[in-house]
Protein backbone atom coordinates (compact mmCIF):
# COMPACT_ATOMS: atom_id res chain seq x y z
CA MET A 1 140.08 -133.19 50.54
CA THR A 2 141.25 -132.12 54.09
CA PRO A 3 140.16 -128.45 55.16
CA GLU A 4 143.70 -127.25 54.85
CA ARG A 5 143.53 -128.75 51.13
CA PHE A 6 140.37 -127.00 50.66
CA GLU A 7 142.01 -123.36 52.41
CA ARG A 8 144.00 -123.11 49.81
CA LEU A 9 142.36 -124.11 46.66
CA LYS A 10 139.72 -120.87 48.19
CA ARG A 11 142.82 -119.05 49.40
CA ALA A 12 144.31 -119.05 45.30
CA LEU A 13 141.20 -118.86 43.56
CA GLU A 14 140.34 -115.47 45.77
CA ARG A 15 143.63 -114.14 44.54
CA ARG A 16 142.54 -114.77 40.74
CA GLN A 17 143.03 -111.76 38.14
CA PRO A 18 139.68 -112.19 36.32
CA ASP A 19 140.68 -108.91 33.59
CA LEU A 20 144.37 -110.52 33.54
CA THR A 21 145.82 -112.61 30.52
CA VAL A 22 148.15 -113.79 28.07
CA ILE A 23 147.24 -114.45 24.68
CA MET A 24 150.28 -117.03 22.98
CA ASP A 25 149.99 -116.38 19.33
CA ARG A 26 151.39 -119.61 17.93
CA VAL A 27 153.62 -120.42 20.96
CA HIS A 28 154.32 -123.70 19.89
CA LYS A 29 157.17 -125.48 21.83
CA SER A 30 154.98 -127.03 24.58
CA HIS A 31 158.26 -126.53 27.08
CA ASN A 32 157.54 -123.03 26.65
CA PHE A 33 153.18 -123.43 26.39
CA SER A 34 154.04 -124.82 30.19
CA ALA A 35 156.41 -122.53 31.25
CA ILE A 36 154.22 -119.65 30.97
CA LEU A 37 151.52 -121.63 32.30
CA ARG A 38 153.45 -121.94 35.46
CA ASN A 39 154.11 -118.00 35.09
CA CYS A 40 150.56 -117.45 34.93
CA ASP A 41 149.71 -119.27 38.00
CA ALA A 42 151.37 -118.18 40.00
CA THR A 43 150.91 -114.21 39.09
CA GLY A 44 147.31 -115.36 39.39
CA VAL A 45 146.35 -114.86 36.10
CA LEU A 46 142.66 -117.04 35.62
CA GLU A 47 142.66 -117.99 32.49
CA VAL A 48 144.69 -117.41 28.59
CA HIS A 49 144.86 -117.93 25.35
CA ALA A 50 146.27 -120.44 22.64
CA VAL A 51 146.64 -119.91 19.01
CA ASP A 52 146.91 -123.09 18.28
CA PRO A 53 144.89 -123.77 14.80
CA ASP A 54 146.57 -126.97 14.15
CA ARG A 55 145.47 -128.53 17.68
CA GLU A 56 149.01 -129.70 18.45
CA LEU A 57 150.27 -127.61 21.47
CA ASP A 58 149.80 -129.54 24.39
CA LEU A 59 151.69 -129.55 27.91
CA HIS A 60 155.44 -130.58 28.90
CA HIS A 61 154.59 -132.70 32.14
CA GLY A 62 158.18 -131.63 33.93
CA THR A 63 157.90 -127.73 33.48
CA SER A 64 153.71 -127.02 33.82
CA ALA A 65 154.09 -128.37 37.09
CA GLY A 66 150.45 -129.27 36.83
CA THR A 67 149.51 -125.78 35.94
CA LYS A 68 146.40 -127.12 33.41
CA LYS A 69 144.30 -128.13 36.70
CA TRP A 70 144.32 -124.23 37.79
CA VAL A 71 144.28 -121.92 34.51
CA LEU A 72 141.45 -122.40 31.89
CA VAL A 73 142.84 -122.57 28.99
CA ASN A 74 141.03 -120.91 25.72
CA ARG A 75 142.21 -122.15 22.49
CA HIS A 76 141.89 -120.39 19.06
CA GLU A 77 142.30 -120.90 15.41
CA HIS A 78 143.24 -117.32 14.71
CA VAL A 79 144.27 -114.88 16.55
CA ALA A 80 142.10 -112.66 15.71
CA ASP A 81 139.81 -114.72 17.60
CA ALA A 82 141.69 -114.66 20.45
CA ALA A 83 141.89 -110.67 20.18
CA ALA A 84 138.15 -110.35 19.60
CA ARG A 85 137.55 -112.70 22.57
CA VAL A 86 139.42 -110.37 25.21
CA LYS A 87 138.42 -107.44 23.80
CA SER A 88 135.24 -107.94 23.96
CA LEU A 89 135.97 -108.44 28.11
CA GLY A 90 136.57 -104.73 27.87
CA LEU A 91 141.01 -105.59 28.08
CA THR A 92 143.61 -103.70 26.20
CA ILE A 93 146.23 -105.93 24.06
CA LEU A 94 149.89 -105.59 24.53
CA ALA A 95 152.02 -107.23 22.54
CA ALA A 96 155.38 -107.49 23.23
CA HIS A 97 157.93 -106.62 20.56
CA PRO A 98 160.31 -104.03 19.84
CA SER A 99 158.72 -102.25 16.73
CA THR A 100 159.42 -98.42 16.77
CA GLY A 101 156.60 -97.35 18.91
CA SER A 102 157.21 -99.36 21.58
CA ILE A 103 157.15 -98.75 25.36
CA ASP A 104 159.06 -100.11 28.35
CA PHE A 105 157.26 -103.34 29.64
CA ARG A 106 157.36 -100.87 32.96
CA ASP A 107 155.75 -98.24 32.27
CA ILE A 108 152.24 -99.75 31.47
CA ASP A 109 149.56 -99.50 34.29
CA TYR A 110 148.88 -102.96 34.61
CA THR A 111 146.49 -102.51 37.21
CA ARG A 112 143.92 -101.82 34.02
CA PRO A 113 142.18 -104.61 32.45
CA THR A 114 145.26 -106.33 30.53
CA ALA A 115 145.88 -108.77 28.33
CA ILE A 116 149.64 -109.73 26.98
CA MET A 117 150.28 -111.33 24.21
CA MET A 118 153.52 -113.44 23.41
CA GLY A 119 154.76 -114.34 20.17
CA ALA A 120 156.64 -117.97 19.52
CA GLU A 121 160.20 -117.22 20.25
CA LEU A 122 161.58 -117.87 16.49
CA HIS A 123 159.16 -114.95 15.18
CA GLY A 124 157.65 -113.75 17.85
CA VAL A 125 153.87 -112.01 17.48
CA SER A 126 152.60 -112.32 14.05
CA ASP A 127 151.76 -109.24 11.71
CA GLU A 128 148.39 -110.10 12.50
CA GLY A 129 148.63 -110.24 16.26
CA LEU A 130 150.75 -107.06 15.99
CA ALA A 131 147.85 -104.45 13.99
CA LEU A 132 145.28 -106.14 16.45
CA ALA A 133 146.82 -104.54 19.49
CA ASP A 134 146.80 -101.74 21.41
CA GLN A 135 150.16 -101.07 22.35
CA HIS A 136 153.70 -102.59 21.83
CA VAL A 137 155.45 -102.77 24.67
CA VAL A 138 159.14 -103.67 25.23
CA ILE A 139 161.78 -105.09 27.65
CA PRO A 140 165.16 -103.55 27.20
CA MET A 141 168.24 -105.33 26.62
CA LEU A 142 171.69 -104.36 27.92
CA GLY A 143 173.42 -106.69 26.27
CA MET A 144 174.69 -108.59 22.52
CA VAL A 145 171.34 -110.46 22.89
CA HIS A 146 168.01 -109.36 21.14
CA SER A 147 165.48 -110.91 23.09
CA LEU A 148 165.05 -113.44 26.26
CA ASN A 149 163.62 -116.56 26.11
CA VAL A 150 159.45 -116.25 25.12
CA SER A 151 158.56 -117.79 28.88
CA VAL A 152 160.89 -115.79 30.54
CA ALA A 153 159.70 -113.02 28.97
CA THR A 154 156.42 -113.47 30.21
CA ALA A 155 157.14 -113.83 33.75
CA LEU A 156 158.66 -110.39 33.63
CA ILE A 157 156.01 -108.88 32.15
CA LEU A 158 153.46 -110.80 34.76
CA PHE A 159 155.58 -110.08 37.85
CA GLU A 160 155.73 -106.62 36.95
CA ALA A 161 151.53 -106.50 36.60
CA ALA A 162 151.29 -108.75 39.66
CA ARG A 163 153.66 -106.21 41.71
CA GLN A 164 151.38 -103.57 40.63
CA ARG A 165 148.07 -104.89 41.02
CA HIS A 166 149.44 -106.09 44.74
CA ASP A 167 150.29 -102.67 45.71
CA ALA A 168 146.89 -101.76 44.13
CA GLY A 169 145.08 -103.96 46.48
CA LEU A 170 143.65 -105.88 43.58
CA TYR A 171 144.48 -109.52 45.00
CA ASP A 172 143.05 -108.71 48.46
CA LYS A 173 139.78 -110.60 47.86
CA SER A 174 138.03 -111.82 45.42
CA ARG A 175 136.79 -109.96 42.19
CA LEU A 176 135.78 -112.93 40.53
CA ALA A 177 130.90 -112.96 40.83
CA GLU A 178 129.91 -115.51 43.80
CA GLU A 179 128.02 -117.63 41.57
CA ASP A 180 131.17 -118.07 39.44
CA PHE A 181 133.77 -118.38 42.03
CA GLY A 182 131.56 -121.05 43.97
CA ARG A 183 131.44 -123.34 40.19
CA ARG A 184 135.50 -122.62 39.75
CA LEU A 185 136.07 -123.91 43.21
CA PHE A 186 134.04 -126.99 43.23
CA GLU A 187 136.19 -127.72 40.18
CA TRP A 188 139.04 -127.20 41.76
CA ALA A 189 137.99 -129.54 44.82
CA TYR A 190 136.31 -132.11 43.07
CA PRO A 191 137.63 -132.28 39.56
CA SER A 192 136.03 -135.83 38.46
CA ILE A 193 132.97 -134.98 40.09
CA ALA A 194 132.17 -132.24 38.53
CA ARG A 195 133.33 -133.31 35.15
CA THR A 196 130.26 -136.65 35.44
CA ARG A 197 128.12 -134.00 36.94
CA ARG A 198 128.68 -131.56 33.44
CA SER A 199 128.46 -134.77 31.08
CA GLU A 200 124.99 -135.34 33.14
CA GLY A 201 123.29 -132.05 32.94
CA ARG A 202 123.20 -131.76 36.45
CA PRO A 203 124.24 -129.22 39.02
CA TYR A 204 127.11 -129.10 41.19
CA PRO A 205 126.05 -129.54 44.88
CA SER A 206 127.09 -127.35 47.68
CA LEU A 207 130.18 -127.12 49.38
CA GLY A 208 130.63 -126.96 53.55
CA PRO A 209 133.02 -124.36 54.54
CA ASP A 210 135.20 -127.36 55.56
CA GLY A 211 135.40 -128.13 51.73
CA ARG A 212 133.27 -131.06 52.28
CA ILE A 213 130.25 -132.19 49.91
CA ILE A 214 126.58 -131.44 50.71
CA PRO A 215 124.77 -134.32 49.79
CA ASP A 216 121.80 -132.97 47.69
CA TRP A 217 119.13 -135.36 47.47
């Protein structure tokens, strides 16, 4: 671990947004799943939620660009479980769906705690997911097609959220609790050691300002 690499990891983690997430409601194609994770990393999303009842969803190596290491994926069997999780954290759920009550995605205040619910490319957000959402949003289409690829649509919404949050100064300093920040930083910097320590039930050692491990013996 070089000091330069450690500083880059630290800076990226400082910009992570604990109250901005994506719920993927049965997004079953691996390349879409992977592309959405890449969008999440690019906009500072800390964790995402994947409704994957069959536990078959996995990353597409060529599309993910290693984002599984930087964006934690919480898997759920049912969309209600994912919705309950984010609502318990105080997040508002926005479902991307062209219903009669949908509003333009650009008219949302994304500086508030927000979960963006995206559905599978063919069928969209499930009926259950739509019922659990607090608001439906739509990306206006000016041509003949009715919708965008799900990963592209997610990118548009996330980057609008990032624009608003950047203007509000939400990326200027870490928004994670100090203990949580230190734990995640160690896991990013030394994932294999972190796995070993967890399996042994031992705490992580401290890190010096240059990213070097401080021996705890």
